[in-house]
PDB file of N, CA and C in Angstrom:
ATOM      1  N   MET A   1      21.962  17.418  13.798  1.00  0.00           N
ATOM      2  CA  MET A   1      22.295  16.771  14.753  1.00  0.00           C
ATOM      3  C   MET A   1      21.820  15.346  14.359  1.00  0.00           C
ATOM      4  N   ARG A   2      20.749  14.747  13.477  1.00  0.00           N
ATOM      5  CA  ARG A   2      19.850  14.085  13.204  1.00  0.00           C
ATOM      6  C   ARG A   2      20.400  13.290  12.206  1.00  0.00           C
ATOM      7  N   ALA A   3      20.569  14.186  11.318  1.00  0.00           N
ATOM      8  CA  ALA A   3      21.803  14.286   9.997  1.00  0.00           C
ATOM      9  C   ALA A   3      22.681  12.856  10.143  1.00  0.00           C
ATOM     10  N   ARG A   4      24.225  13.915  11.305  1.00  0.00           N
ATOM     11  CA  ARG A   4      25.139  13.357  11.850  1.00  0.00           C
ATOM     12  C   ARG A   4      24.348  12.077  12.112  1.00  0.00           C
ATOM     13  N   VAL A   5      24.275  11.736  12.697  1.00  0.00           N
ATOM     14  CA  VAL A   5      23.586  10.084  13.563  1.00  0.00           C
ATOM     15  C   VAL A   5      23.218   9.260  12.235  1.00  0.00           C
ATOM     16  N   ILE A   6      22.856   9.526  10.897  1.00  0.00           N
ATOM     17  CA  ILE A   6      22.531   8.833  10.080  1.00  0.00           C
ATOM     18  C   ILE A   6      23.656   8.441   9.245  1.00  0.00           C
ATOM     19  N   GLU A   7      24.061   9.403   8.930  1.00  0.00           N
ATOM     20  CA  GLU A   7      25.739   9.632   8.218  1.00  0.00           C
ATOM     21  C   GLU A   7      26.426   8.880   9.024  1.00  0.00           C
ATOM     22  N   ALA A   8      26.292   8.883  10.225  1.00  0.00           N
ATOM     23  CA  ALA A   8      27.693   7.684  11.290  1.00  0.00           C
ATOM     24  C   ALA A   8      27.360   6.563  10.830  1.00  0.00           C
ATOM     25  N   GLU A   9      25.709   6.367  10.981  1.00  0.00           N
ATOM     26  CA  GLU A   9      25.002   5.021  10.804  1.00  0.00           C
ATOM     27  C   GLU A   9      25.556   3.922   9.814  1.00  0.00           C
ATOM     28  N   ALA A  10      25.421   5.256   8.322  1.00  0.00           N
ATOM     29  CA  ALA A  10      25.873   4.092   7.414  1.00  0.00           C
ATOM     30  C   ALA A  10      26.756   4.124   7.097  1.00  0.00           C
ATOM     31  N   GLU A  11      28.497   4.596   7.781  1.00  0.00           N
ATOM     32  CA  GLU A  11      29.724   4.238   7.577  1.00  0.00           C
ATOM     33  C   GLU A  11      29.409   2.176   8.100  1.00  0.00           C
ATOM     34  N   VAL A  12      29.204   2.420   9.591  1.00  0.00           N
ATOM     35  CA  VAL A  12      28.936   1.285   9.860  1.00  0.00           C
ATOM     36  C   VAL A  12      29.776  -0.354   8.865  1.00  0.00           C
ATOM     37  N   PRO A  13      28.048  -0.599   7.911  1.00  0.00           N
ATOM     38  CA  PRO A  13      28.527  -1.473   7.407  1.00  0.00           C
ATOM     39  C   PRO A  13      29.801  -0.874   6.420  1.00  0.00           C
ATOM     40  N   LEU A  14      30.175   0.043   5.674  1.00  0.00           N
ATOM     41  CA  LEU A  14      31.730   0.238   5.430  1.00  0.00           C
ATOM     42  C   LEU A  14      32.266  -0.665   6.096  1.00  0.00           C
ATOM     43  N   ALA A  15      32.521   0.542   7.051  1.00  0.00           N
ATOM     44  CA  ALA A  15      33.989  -0.140   8.658  1.00  0.00           C
ATOM     45  C   ALA A  15      33.651  -1.512   8.853  1.00  0.00           C
ATOM     46  N   ILE A  16      33.241  -2.499   8.516  1.00  0.00           N
ATOM     47  CA  ILE A  16      32.859  -3.481   8.788  1.00  0.00           C
ATOM     48  C   ILE A  16      33.523  -3.876   7.359  1.00  0.00           C
ATOM     49  N   ALA A  17      32.967  -4.307   6.395  1.00  0.00           N
ATOM     50  CA  ALA A  17      33.464  -4.469   5.523  1.00  0.00           C
ATOM     51  C   ALA A  17      34.913  -4.624   5.509  1.00  0.00           C
ATOM     52  N   ALA A  18      35.630  -3.692   5.528  1.00  0.00           N
ATOM     53  CA  ALA A  18      36.772  -3.113   5.418  1.00  0.00           C
ATOM     54  C   ALA A  18      37.816  -4.012   6.360  1.00  0.00           C
ATOM     55  N   ALA A  19      37.161  -4.238   7.746  1.00  0.00           N
ATOM     56  CA  ALA A  19      37.843  -4.791   9.000  1.00  0.00           C
ATOM     57  C   ALA A  19      37.660  -6.225   8.295  1.00  0.00           C
ATOM     58  N   PHE A  20      37.123  -6.762   7.874  1.00  0.00           N
ATOM     59  CA  PHE A  20      36.640  -7.897   6.962  1.00  0.00           C
ATOM     60  C   PHE A  20      38.092  -8.117   5.974  1.00  0.00           C
ATOM     61  N   ARG A  21      37.780  -7.509   5.068  1.00  0.00           N
ATOM     62  CA  ARG A  21      38.766  -7.507   4.078  1.00  0.00           C
ATOM     63  C   ARG A  21      40.509  -7.333   5.143  1.00  0.00           C
ATOM     64  N   GLU A  22      40.830  -6.112   5.985  1.00  0.00           N
ATOM     65  CA  GLU A  22      41.963  -5.926   6.562  1.00  0.00           C
ATOM     66  C   GLU A  22      42.209  -7.381   7.068  1.00  0.00           C
ATOM     67  N   GLY A  23      41.832  -7.814   7.573  1.00  0.00           N
ATOM     68  CA  GLY A  23      41.603  -9.385   9.169  1.00  0.00           C
ATOM     69  C   GLY A  23      41.617  -9.499   9.630  1.00  0.00           C
ATOM     70  N   LYS A  24      40.858  -8.416  10.161  1.00  0.00           N
ATOM     71  CA  LYS A  24      41.120  -7.757  11.722  1.00  0.00           C
ATOM     72  C   LYS A  24      40.056  -7.757  12.649  1.00  0.00           C
ATOM     73  N   LEU A  25      38.876  -8.390  11.578  1.00  0.00           N
ATOM     74  CA  LEU A  25      37.099  -8.855  12.086  1.00  0.00           C
ATOM     75  C   LEU A  25      37.479 -10.400  11.407  1.00  0.00           C
ATOM     76  N   GLY A  26      37.191 -11.246  11.914  1.00  0.00           N
ATOM     77  CA  GLY A  26      37.215 -12.179  11.591  1.00  0.00           C
ATOM     78  C   GLY A  26      34.926 -13.058  11.713  1.00  0.00           C
ATOM     79  N   VAL A  27      34.920 -14.221  11.068  1.00  0.00           N
ATOM     80  CA  VAL A  27      33.794 -14.248  10.580  1.00  0.00           C
ATOM     81  C   VAL A  27      32.964 -15.138  11.668  1.00  0.00           C
ATOM     82  N   MET A  28      34.136 -14.919  12.815  1.00  0.00           N
ATOM     83  CA  MET A  28      33.038 -15.683  14.456  1.00  0.00           C
ATOM     84  C   MET A  28      33.110 -14.392  15.499  1.00  0.00           C
ATOM     85  N   ASP A  29      33.971 -12.974  15.004  1.00  0.00           N
ATOM     86  CA  ASP A  29      33.891 -12.111  15.796  1.00  0.00           C
ATOM     87  C   ASP A  29      32.542 -11.853  14.995  1.00  0.00           C
ATOM     88  N   TYR A  30      32.607 -11.867  14.185  1.00  0.00           N
ATOM     89  CA  TYR A  30      31.360 -11.280  13.137  1.00  0.00           C
ATOM     90  C   TYR A  30      29.829 -11.601  13.850  1.00  0.00           C
ATOM     91  N   TYR A  31      30.150 -13.064  13.930  1.00  0.00           N
ATOM     92  CA  TYR A  31      28.234 -13.852  14.389  1.00  0.00           C
ATOM     93  C   TYR A  31      28.053 -13.634  15.616  1.00  0.00           C
ATOM     94  N   ASN A  32      29.722 -13.047  16.495  1.00  0.00           N
ATOM     95  CA  ASN A  32      28.646 -12.859  18.111  1.00  0.00           C
ATOM     96  C   ASN A  32      28.698 -11.614  17.702  1.00  0.00           C
ATOM     97  N   MET A  33      29.294 -10.586  17.105  1.00  0.00           N
ATOM     98  CA  MET A  33      28.841  -9.323  17.501  1.00  0.00           C
ATOM     99  C   MET A  33      27.489  -9.162  16.590  1.00  0.00           C
ATOM    100  N   GLN A  34      26.725  -9.897  15.786  1.00  0.00           N
ATOM    101  CA  GLN A  34      25.151 -10.302  15.607  1.00  0.00           C
ATOM    102  C   GLN A  34      24.795 -10.308  16.758  1.00  0.00           C
ATOM    103  N   ASN A  35      25.120 -12.293  17.282  1.00  0.00           N
ATOM    104  CA  ASN A  35      24.455 -12.177  18.544  1.00  0.00           C
ATOM    105  C   ASN A  35      23.539 -11.657  19.495  1.00  0.00           C
ATOM    106  N   VAL A  36      24.949 -10.763  20.183  1.00  0.00           N
ATOM    107  CA  VAL A  36      24.931  -9.649  20.647  1.00  0.00           C
ATOM    108  C   VAL A  36      23.906  -8.176  20.502  1.00  0.00           C
ATOM    109  N   ILE A  37      23.845  -8.200  19.044  1.00  0.00           N
ATOM    110  CA  ILE A  37      22.950  -7.311  18.996  1.00  0.00           C
ATOM    111  C   ILE A  37      21.843  -7.655  19.252  1.00  0.00           C
ATOM    112  N   SER A  38      21.250  -8.339  18.145  1.00  0.00           N
ATOM    113  CA  SER A  38      20.139  -9.813  18.255  1.00  0.00           C
ATOM    114  C   SER A  38      19.280 -10.025  19.831  1.00  0.00           C
ATOM    115  N   ASP A  39      20.157  -9.705  20.678  1.00  0.00           N
ATOM    116  CA  ASP A  39      20.251 -10.201  22.271  1.00  0.00           C
ATOM    117  C   ASP A  39      19.411  -9.181  23.001  1.00  0.00           C
ATOM    118  N   THR A  40      20.151  -7.542  22.740  1.00  0.00           N
ATOM    119  CA  THR A  40      20.241  -6.554  23.465  1.00  0.00           C
ATOM    120  C   THR A  40      18.622  -6.215  22.367  1.00  0.00           C
ATOM    121  N   GLN A  41      18.151  -6.470  21.754  1.00  0.00           N
ATOM    122  CA  GLN A  41      17.042  -6.075  20.356  1.00  0.00           C
ATOM    123  C   GLN A  41      15.861  -7.109  21.556  1.00  0.00           C
ATOM    124  N   MET A  42      16.474  -7.360  21.757  1.00  0.00           N
ATOM    125  CA  MET A  42      14.998  -9.059  21.983  1.00  0.00           C
ATOM    126  C   MET A  42      14.727  -8.358  23.682  1.00  0.00           C
ATOM    127  N   ARG A  43      15.863  -8.163  24.411  1.00  0.00           N
ATOM    128  CA  ARG A  43      15.801  -8.122  25.783  1.00  0.00           C
ATOM    129  C   ARG A  43      14.754  -6.163  26.033  1.00  0.00           C
ATOM    130  N   GLU A  44      14.994  -6.007  24.881  1.00  0.00           N
ATOM    131  CA  GLU A  44      14.200  -4.405  24.604  1.00  0.00           C
ATOM    132  C   GLU A  44      12.932  -4.477  24.843  1.00  0.00           C
ATOM    133  N   ALA A  45      12.874  -5.310  23.699  1.00  0.00           N
ATOM    134  CA  ALA A  45      11.242  -6.020  23.340  1.00  0.00           C
ATOM    135  C   ALA A  45      10.450  -6.036  24.614  1.00  0.00           C
ATOM    136  N   ILE A  46      11.459  -6.669  25.415  1.00  0.00           N
ATOM    137  CA  ILE A  46      10.672  -7.596  25.932  1.00  0.00           C
ATOM    138  C   ILE A  46      10.237  -6.550  27.680  1.00  0.00           C
ATOM    139  N   SER A  47      11.445  -5.837  27.542  1.00  0.00           N
ATOM    140  CA  SER A  47      11.085  -4.632  29.011  1.00  0.00           C
ATOM    141  C   SER A  47      10.069  -4.002  28.239  1.00  0.00           C
ATOM    142  N   LYS A  48       9.776  -3.690  26.894  1.00  0.00           N
ATOM    143  CA  LYS A  48       8.551  -3.048  27.044  1.00  0.00           C
ATOM    144  C   LYS A  48       7.546  -3.150  26.814  1.00  0.00           C
ATOM    145  N   GLY A  49       7.096  -4.580  26.905  1.00  0.00           N
ATOM    146  CA  GLY A  49       6.077  -5.803  27.591  1.00  0.00           C
ATOM    147  C   GLY A  49       4.975  -5.605  26.308  1.00  0.00           C
ATOM    148  N   ALA A  50       3.913  -6.437  26.373  1.00  0.00           N
ATOM    149  CA  ALA A  50       3.177  -6.030  25.387  1.00  0.00           C
ATOM    150  C   ALA A  50       2.531  -4.515  25.159  1.00  0.00           C
ATOM    151  N   GLN A  51       2.231  -4.314  24.151  1.00  0.00           N
ATOM    152  CA  GLN A  51       1.573  -3.143  23.741  1.00  0.00           C
ATOM    153  C   GLN A  51       0.392  -3.268  22.954  1.00  0.00           C
ATOM    154  N   PRO A  52      -0.996  -2.894  23.860  1.00  0.00           N
ATOM    155  CA  PRO A  52      -2.350  -3.260  23.242  1.00  0.00           C
ATOM    156  C   PRO A  52      -2.294  -3.086  21.842  1.00  0.00           C
ATOM    157  N   GLN A  53      -3.151  -3.462  20.936  1.00  0.00           N
ATOM    158  CA  GLN A  53      -3.547  -3.073  19.604  1.00  0.00           C
ATOM    159  C   GLN A  53      -4.181  -2.355  19.259  1.00  0.00           C
ATOM    160  N   LYS A  54      -3.990  -1.163  18.283  1.00  0.00           N
ATOM    161  CA  LYS A  54      -4.660  -0.157  18.903  1.00  0.00           C
ATOM    162  C   LYS A  54      -5.998  -0.327  17.616  1.00  0.00           C
ATOM    163  N   GLY A  55      -6.996   0.726  18.020  1.00  0.00           N
ATOM    164  CA  GLY A  55      -8.134  -0.089  16.996  1.00  0.00           C
ATOM    165  C   GLY A  55      -9.271  -1.282  17.858  1.00  0.00           C
ATOM    166  N   SER A  56      -8.517  -1.717  18.962  1.00  0.00           N
ATOM    167  CA  SER A  56      -9.393  -3.034  19.800  1.00  0.00           C
ATOM    168  C   SER A  56      -9.977  -2.739  20.382  1.00  0.00           C
ATOM    169  N   ASN A  57     -12.032  -2.199  20.294  1.00  0.00           N
ATOM    170  CA  ASN A  57     -12.588  -1.809  21.584  1.00  0.00           C
ATOM    171  C   ASN A  57     -13.032  -2.538  22.354  1.00  0.00           C
ATOM    172  N   ASP A  58     -11.846  -3.821  22.480  1.00  0.00           N
ATOM    173  CA  ASP A  58     -12.740  -5.252  23.706  1.00  0.00           C
ATOM    174  C   ASP A  58     -13.320  -4.596  25.250  1.00  0.00           C
TER     175      ASP A  58
END
């Protein structure tokens, strides 16, 4: 199952490149998509909170 996910993830950049070539995806569309992805990653990191550093015996 994990192998299929990895295969699908590998196809994403190829699909984006094809959409650029075919004119189905514009530069601003790509920029907005990357902005949403970055925002989601930031929110996930914030929601996890600060992780204590391992090996710290304070």
